[in-house]
PDB file of N, CA and C in Angstrom:
ATOM      1  N   MET A   1      -6.321  15.563 -25.386  1.00  0.00           N
ATOM      2  CA  MET A   1      -6.247  16.427 -24.223  1.00  0.00           C
ATOM      3  C   MET A   1      -5.866  15.576 -23.002  1.00  0.00           C
ATOM      4  N   PRO A   2      -4.747  15.868 -22.337  1.00  0.00           N
ATOM      5  CA  PRO A   2      -4.340  15.091 -21.162  1.00  0.00           C
ATOM      6  C   PRO A   2      -5.289  15.321 -19.984  1.00  0.00           C
ATOM      7  N   LEU A   3      -5.454  14.275 -19.212  1.00  0.00           N
ATOM      8  CA  LEU A   3      -6.310  14.332 -18.030  1.00  0.00           C
ATOM      9  C   LEU A   3      -5.425  14.464 -16.799  1.00  0.00           C
ATOM     10  N   ASN A   4      -5.641  15.486 -16.009  1.00  0.00           N
ATOM     11  CA  ASN A   4      -4.887  15.685 -14.769  1.00  0.00           C
ATOM     12  C   ASN A   4      -5.779  15.360 -13.591  1.00  0.00           C
ATOM     13  N   ILE A   5      -5.281  14.510 -12.711  1.00  0.00           N
ATOM     14  CA  ILE A   5      -6.028  14.115 -11.518  1.00  0.00           C
ATOM     15  C   ILE A   5      -5.139  14.353 -10.310  1.00  0.00           C
ATOM     16  N   ASP A   6      -5.666  15.022  -9.300  1.00  0.00           N
ATOM     17  CA  ASP A   6      -4.943  15.216  -8.044  1.00  0.00           C
ATOM     18  C   ASP A   6      -5.349  14.112  -7.079  1.00  0.00           C
ATOM     19  N   VAL A   7      -4.370  13.442  -6.500  1.00  0.00           N
ATOM     20  CA  VAL A   7      -4.623  12.372  -5.537  1.00  0.00           C
ATOM     21  C   VAL A   7      -4.013  12.789  -4.208  1.00  0.00           C
ATOM     22  N   PHE A   8      -4.819  12.815  -3.170  1.00  0.00           N
ATOM     23  CA  PHE A   8      -4.360  13.184  -1.831  1.00  0.00           C
ATOM     24  C   PHE A   8      -4.387  11.937  -0.958  1.00  0.00           C
ATOM     25  N   LEU A   9      -3.214  11.502  -0.521  1.00  0.00           N
ATOM     26  CA  LEU A   9      -3.101  10.303   0.302  1.00  0.00           C
ATOM     27  C   LEU A   9      -2.923  10.681   1.762  1.00  0.00           C
ATOM     28  N   ARG A  10      -3.361   9.789   2.632  1.00  0.00           N
ATOM     29  CA  ARG A  10      -3.168  10.010   4.064  1.00  0.00           C
ATOM     30  C   ARG A  10      -1.690   9.946   4.400  1.00  0.00           C
ATOM     31  N   GLN A  11      -1.317  10.606   5.459  1.00  0.00           N
ATOM     32  CA  GLN A  11       0.057  10.526   5.966  1.00  0.00           C
ATOM     33  C   GLN A  11       0.169   9.224   6.763  1.00  0.00           C
ATOM     34  N   PRO A  12       1.055   8.301   6.375  1.00  0.00           N
ATOM     35  CA  PRO A  12       1.155   7.037   7.108  1.00  0.00           C
ATOM     36  C   PRO A  12       1.761   7.228   8.497  1.00  0.00           C
ATOM     37  N   HIS A  13       1.295   6.400   9.455  1.00  0.00           N
ATOM     38  CA  HIS A  13       1.915   6.453  10.780  1.00  0.00           C
ATOM     39  C   HIS A  13       3.256   5.717  10.708  1.00  0.00           C
ATOM     40  N   PRO A  14       4.108   5.827  11.722  1.00  0.00           N
ATOM     41  CA  PRO A  14       5.481   5.297  11.639  1.00  0.00           C
ATOM     42  C   PRO A  14       5.581   3.822  11.247  1.00  0.00           C
ATOM     43  N   LYS A  15       4.703   2.968  11.762  1.00  0.00           N
ATOM     44  CA  LYS A  15       4.767   1.542  11.415  1.00  0.00           C
ATOM     45  C   LYS A  15       4.404   1.325   9.945  1.00  0.00           C
ATOM     46  N   GLN A  16       3.419   2.084   9.448  1.00  0.00           N
ATOM     47  CA  GLN A  16       3.066   1.982   8.031  1.00  0.00           C
ATOM     48  C   GLN A  16       4.219   2.484   7.169  1.00  0.00           C
ATOM     49  N   ALA A  17       4.799   3.593   7.560  1.00  0.00           N
ATOM     50  CA  ALA A  17       5.902   4.176   6.790  1.00  0.00           C
ATOM     51  C   ALA A  17       7.066   3.192   6.685  1.00  0.00           C
ATOM     52  N   ALA A  18       7.273   2.385   7.729  1.00  0.00           N
ATOM     53  CA  ALA A  18       8.377   1.421   7.720  1.00  0.00           C
ATOM     54  C   ALA A  18       8.225   0.424   6.577  1.00  0.00           C
ATOM     55  N   PHE A  19       7.011  -0.128   6.371  1.00  0.00           N
ATOM     56  CA  PHE A  19       6.880  -1.093   5.279  1.00  0.00           C
ATOM     57  C   PHE A  19       6.610  -0.422   3.937  1.00  0.00           C
ATOM     58  N   ILE A  20       6.053   0.768   3.939  1.00  0.00           N
ATOM     59  CA  ILE A  20       5.855   1.487   2.677  1.00  0.00           C
ATOM     60  C   ILE A  20       7.202   1.853   2.065  1.00  0.00           C
ATOM     61  N   GLU A  21       8.126   2.327   2.875  1.00  0.00           N
ATOM     62  CA  GLU A  21       9.425   2.787   2.379  1.00  0.00           C
ATOM     63  C   GLU A  21      10.452   1.664   2.240  1.00  0.00           C
ATOM     64  N   SER A  22      10.116   0.449   2.680  1.00  0.00           N
ATOM     65  CA  SER A  22      11.050  -0.671   2.579  1.00  0.00           C
ATOM     66  C   SER A  22      11.348  -0.982   1.111  1.00  0.00           C
ATOM     67  N   PRO A  23      12.628  -1.196   0.762  1.00  0.00           N
ATOM     68  CA  PRO A  23      12.987  -1.430  -0.638  1.00  0.00           C
ATOM     69  C   PRO A  23      12.775  -2.866  -1.128  1.00  0.00           C
ATOM     70  N   VAL A  24      12.334  -3.785  -0.258  1.00  0.00           N
ATOM     71  CA  VAL A  24      12.180  -5.177  -0.680  1.00  0.00           C
ATOM     72  C   VAL A  24      11.083  -5.312  -1.732  1.00  0.00           C
ATOM     73  N   LYS A  25      11.223  -6.336  -2.592  1.00  0.00           N
ATOM     74  CA  LYS A  25      10.282  -6.510  -3.700  1.00  0.00           C
ATOM     75  C   LYS A  25       8.924  -7.022  -3.221  1.00  0.00           C
ATOM     76  N   ARG A  26       8.937  -8.027  -2.357  1.00  0.00           N
ATOM     77  CA  ARG A  26       7.686  -8.601  -1.837  1.00  0.00           C
ATOM     78  C   ARG A  26       7.572  -8.249  -0.360  1.00  0.00           C
ATOM     79  N   LYS A  27       6.392  -7.817   0.033  1.00  0.00           N
ATOM     80  CA  LYS A  27       6.199  -7.371   1.414  1.00  0.00           C
ATOM     81  C   LYS A  27       5.189  -8.273   2.119  1.00  0.00           C
ATOM     82  N   ILE A  28       5.530  -8.671   3.315  1.00  0.00           N
ATOM     83  CA  ILE A  28       4.612  -9.403   4.181  1.00  0.00           C
ATOM     84  C   ILE A  28       4.494  -8.583   5.449  1.00  0.00           C
ATOM     85  N   VAL A  29       3.271  -8.227   5.797  1.00  0.00           N
ATOM     86  CA  VAL A  29       3.041  -7.385   6.970  1.00  0.00           C
ATOM     87  C   VAL A  29       2.341  -8.227   8.025  1.00  0.00           C
ATOM     88  N   ARG A  30       3.003  -8.400   9.155  1.00  0.00           N
ATOM     89  CA  ARG A  30       2.405  -9.119  10.274  1.00  0.00           C
ATOM     90  C   ARG A  30       1.985  -8.082  11.300  1.00  0.00           C
ATOM     91  N   ALA A  31       0.690  -7.895  11.427  1.00  0.00           N
ATOM     92  CA  ALA A  31       0.169  -6.899  12.364  1.00  0.00           C
ATOM     93  C   ALA A  31      -1.215  -7.339  12.821  1.00  0.00           C
ATOM     94  N   GLY A  32      -1.605  -6.896  13.972  1.00  0.00           N
ATOM     95  CA  GLY A  32      -2.903  -7.249  14.520  1.00  0.00           C
ATOM     96  C   GLY A  32      -4.028  -6.425  13.911  1.00  0.00           C
ATOM     97  N   ARG A  33      -5.195  -6.592  14.512  1.00  0.00           N
ATOM     98  CA  ARG A  33      -6.353  -5.825  14.061  1.00  0.00           C
ATOM     99  C   ARG A  33      -6.082  -4.340  14.218  1.00  0.00           C
ATOM    100  N   ARG A  34      -6.557  -3.572  13.278  1.00  0.00           N
ATOM    101  CA  ARG A  34      -6.447  -2.115  13.285  1.00  0.00           C
ATOM    102  C   ARG A  34      -4.993  -1.649  13.288  1.00  0.00           C
ATOM    103  N   GLY A  35      -4.134  -2.454  12.666  1.00  0.00           N
ATOM    104  CA  GLY A  35      -2.719  -2.100  12.597  1.00  0.00           C
ATOM    105  C   GLY A  35      -2.369  -1.205  11.424  1.00  0.00           C
ATOM    106  N   GLY A  36      -3.345  -0.903  10.587  1.00  0.00           N
ATOM    107  CA  GLY A  36      -3.104  -0.027   9.446  1.00  0.00           C
ATOM    108  C   GLY A  36      -2.612  -0.744   8.201  1.00  0.00           C
ATOM    109  N   LYS A  37      -2.809  -2.074   8.154  1.00  0.00           N
ATOM    110  CA  LYS A  37      -2.321  -2.856   7.020  1.00  0.00           C
ATOM    111  C   LYS A  37      -2.995  -2.454   5.714  1.00  0.00           C
ATOM    112  N   THR A  38      -4.303  -2.398   5.702  1.00  0.00           N
ATOM    113  CA  THR A  38      -5.035  -2.091   4.469  1.00  0.00           C
ATOM    114  C   THR A  38      -4.732  -0.686   3.985  1.00  0.00           C
ATOM    115  N   THR A  39      -4.775   0.282   4.873  1.00  0.00           N
ATOM    116  CA  THR A  39      -4.491   1.667   4.481  1.00  0.00           C
ATOM    117  C   THR A  39      -3.050   1.817   4.024  1.00  0.00           C
ATOM    118  N   GLY A  40      -2.125   1.202   4.738  1.00  0.00           N
ATOM    119  CA  GLY A  40      -0.717   1.278   4.359  1.00  0.00           C
ATOM    120  C   GLY A  40      -0.452   0.663   2.996  1.00  0.00           C
ATOM    121  N   MET A  41      -1.034  -0.505   2.746  1.00  0.00           N
ATOM    122  CA  MET A  41      -0.843  -1.143   1.448  1.00  0.00           C
ATOM    123  C   MET A  41      -1.549  -0.364   0.344  1.00  0.00           C
ATOM    124  N   ALA A  42      -2.674   0.266   0.657  1.00  0.00           N
ATOM    125  CA  ALA A  42      -3.356   1.101  -0.343  1.00  0.00           C
ATOM    126  C   ALA A  42      -2.481   2.289  -0.729  1.00  0.00           C
ATOM    127  N   ILE A  43      -1.860   2.918   0.254  1.00  0.00           N
ATOM    128  CA  ILE A  43      -0.953   4.039  -0.035  1.00  0.00           C
ATOM    129  C   ILE A  43       0.194   3.558  -0.916  1.00  0.00           C
ATOM    130  N   LEU A  44       0.781   2.425  -0.552  1.00  0.00           N
ATOM    131  CA  LEU A  44       1.886   1.860  -1.326  1.00  0.00           C
ATOM    132  C   LEU A  44       1.451   1.543  -2.757  1.00  0.00           C
ATOM    133  N   ALA A  45       0.290   0.900  -2.907  1.00  0.00           N
ATOM    134  CA  ALA A  45      -0.198   0.516  -4.233  1.00  0.00           C
ATOM    135  C   ALA A  45      -0.513   1.733  -5.097  1.00  0.00           C
ATOM    136  N   ILE A  46      -1.139   2.735  -4.517  1.00  0.00           N
ATOM    137  CA  ILE A  46      -1.482   3.937  -5.284  1.00  0.00           C
ATOM    138  C   ILE A  46      -0.227   4.663  -5.735  1.00  0.00           C
ATOM    139  N   ARG A  47       0.757   4.781  -4.846  1.00  0.00           N
ATOM    140  CA  ARG A  47       2.022   5.428  -5.232  1.00  0.00           C
ATOM    141  C   ARG A  47       2.677   4.682  -6.392  1.00  0.00           C
ATOM    142  N   ALA A  48       2.729   3.354  -6.294  1.00  0.00           N
ATOM    143  CA  ALA A  48       3.353   2.550  -7.347  1.00  0.00           C
ATOM    144  C   ALA A  48       2.573   2.669  -8.649  1.00  0.00           C
ATOM    145  N   PHE A  49       1.249   2.593  -8.561  1.00  0.00           N
ATOM    146  CA  PHE A  49       0.404   2.682  -9.752  1.00  0.00           C
ATOM    147  C   PHE A  49       0.582   4.027 -10.455  1.00  0.00           C
ATOM    148  N   LEU A  50       0.636   5.096  -9.684  1.00  0.00           N
ATOM    149  CA  LEU A  50       0.804   6.423 -10.278  1.00  0.00           C
ATOM    150  C   LEU A  50       2.179   6.594 -10.920  1.00  0.00           C
ATOM    151  N   ASP A  51       3.152   5.784 -10.471  1.00  0.00           N
ATOM    152  CA  ASP A  51       4.482   5.804 -11.087  1.00  0.00           C
ATOM    153  C   ASP A  51       4.562   4.898 -12.314  1.00  0.00           C
ATOM    154  N   GLY A  52       3.454   4.220 -12.646  1.00  0.00           N
ATOM    155  CA  GLY A  52       3.414   3.368 -13.832  1.00  0.00           C
ATOM    156  C   GLY A  52       3.749   1.911 -13.584  1.00  0.00           C
ATOM    157  N   THR A  53       3.808   1.493 -12.331  1.00  0.00           N
ATOM    158  CA  THR A  53       4.123   0.112 -11.978  1.00  0.00           C
ATOM    159  C   THR A  53       2.849  -0.715 -11.896  1.00  0.00           C
ATOM    160  N   ARG A  54       2.931  -1.981 -12.328  1.00  0.00           N
ATOM    161  CA  ARG A  54       1.792  -2.881 -12.153  1.00  0.00           C
ATOM    162  C   ARG A  54       1.700  -3.258 -10.678  1.00  0.00           C
ATOM    163  N   VAL A  55       0.479  -3.427 -10.177  1.00  0.00           N
ATOM    164  CA  VAL A  55       0.262  -3.692  -8.758  1.00  0.00           C
ATOM    165  C   VAL A  55      -0.612  -4.932  -8.602  1.00  0.00           C
ATOM    166  N   LEU A  56      -0.189  -5.861  -7.739  1.00  0.00           N
ATOM    167  CA  LEU A  56      -0.997  -7.021  -7.374  1.00  0.00           C
ATOM    168  C   LEU A  56      -1.210  -6.963  -5.869  1.00  0.00           C
ATOM    169  N   TYR A  57      -2.470  -7.018  -5.447  1.00  0.00           N
ATOM    170  CA  TYR A  57      -2.806  -7.017  -4.022  1.00  0.00           C
ATOM    171  C   TYR A  57      -3.485  -8.347  -3.746  1.00  0.00           C
ATOM    172  N   ALA A  58      -2.904  -9.190  -2.905  1.00  0.00           N
ATOM    173  CA  ALA A  58      -3.449 -10.514  -2.628  1.00  0.00           C
ATOM    174  C   ALA A  58      -3.504 -10.758  -1.132  1.00  0.00           C
ATOM    175  N   THR A  59      -4.569 -11.427  -0.697  1.00  0.00           N
ATOM    176  CA  THR A  59      -4.713 -11.791   0.711  1.00  0.00           C
ATOM    177  C   THR A  59      -5.283 -13.200   0.796  1.00  0.00           C
ATOM    178  N   PRO A  60      -5.030 -13.919   1.884  1.00  0.00           N
ATOM    179  CA  PRO A  60      -5.643 -15.239   2.037  1.00  0.00           C
ATOM    180  C   PRO A  60      -7.141 -15.106   2.292  1.00  0.00           C
ATOM    181  N   THR A  61      -7.857 -16.175   1.998  1.00  0.00           N
ATOM    182  CA  THR A  61      -9.303 -16.172   2.231  1.00  0.00           C
ATOM    183  C   THR A  61      -9.609 -16.724   3.614  1.00  0.00           C
ATOM    184  N   ALA A  62     -10.830 -16.558   4.061  1.00  0.00           N
ATOM    185  CA  ALA A  62     -11.241 -16.994   5.392  1.00  0.00           C
ATOM    186  C   ALA A  62     -11.202 -18.513   5.538  1.00  0.00           C
ATOM    187  N   GLU A  63     -11.317 -19.264   4.435  1.00  0.00           N
ATOM    188  CA  GLU A  63     -11.339 -20.723   4.516  1.00  0.00           C
ATOM    189  C   GLU A  63     -10.002 -21.309   4.925  1.00  0.00           C
ATOM    190  N   GLN A  64      -8.924 -20.543   4.801  1.00  0.00           N
ATOM    191  CA  GLN A  64      -7.614 -21.099   5.130  1.00  0.00           C
ATOM    192  C   GLN A  64      -7.532 -21.255   6.579  1.00  0.00           C
TER     193      GLN A  64
END
């Protein structure tokens, strides 16, 4: 029996949409605090995952 799940994502603001819709393979987002980086990358990752793509999310640690 197939499992159907509905996923409702937030509507990205214009700056988030710019990097979400960018066709480049690797994305680097330079933005300040509360710039929407985490939410934007979550939207991007969920969309890719639901399309069957493998997703890697990596960030530097505080020690750097």
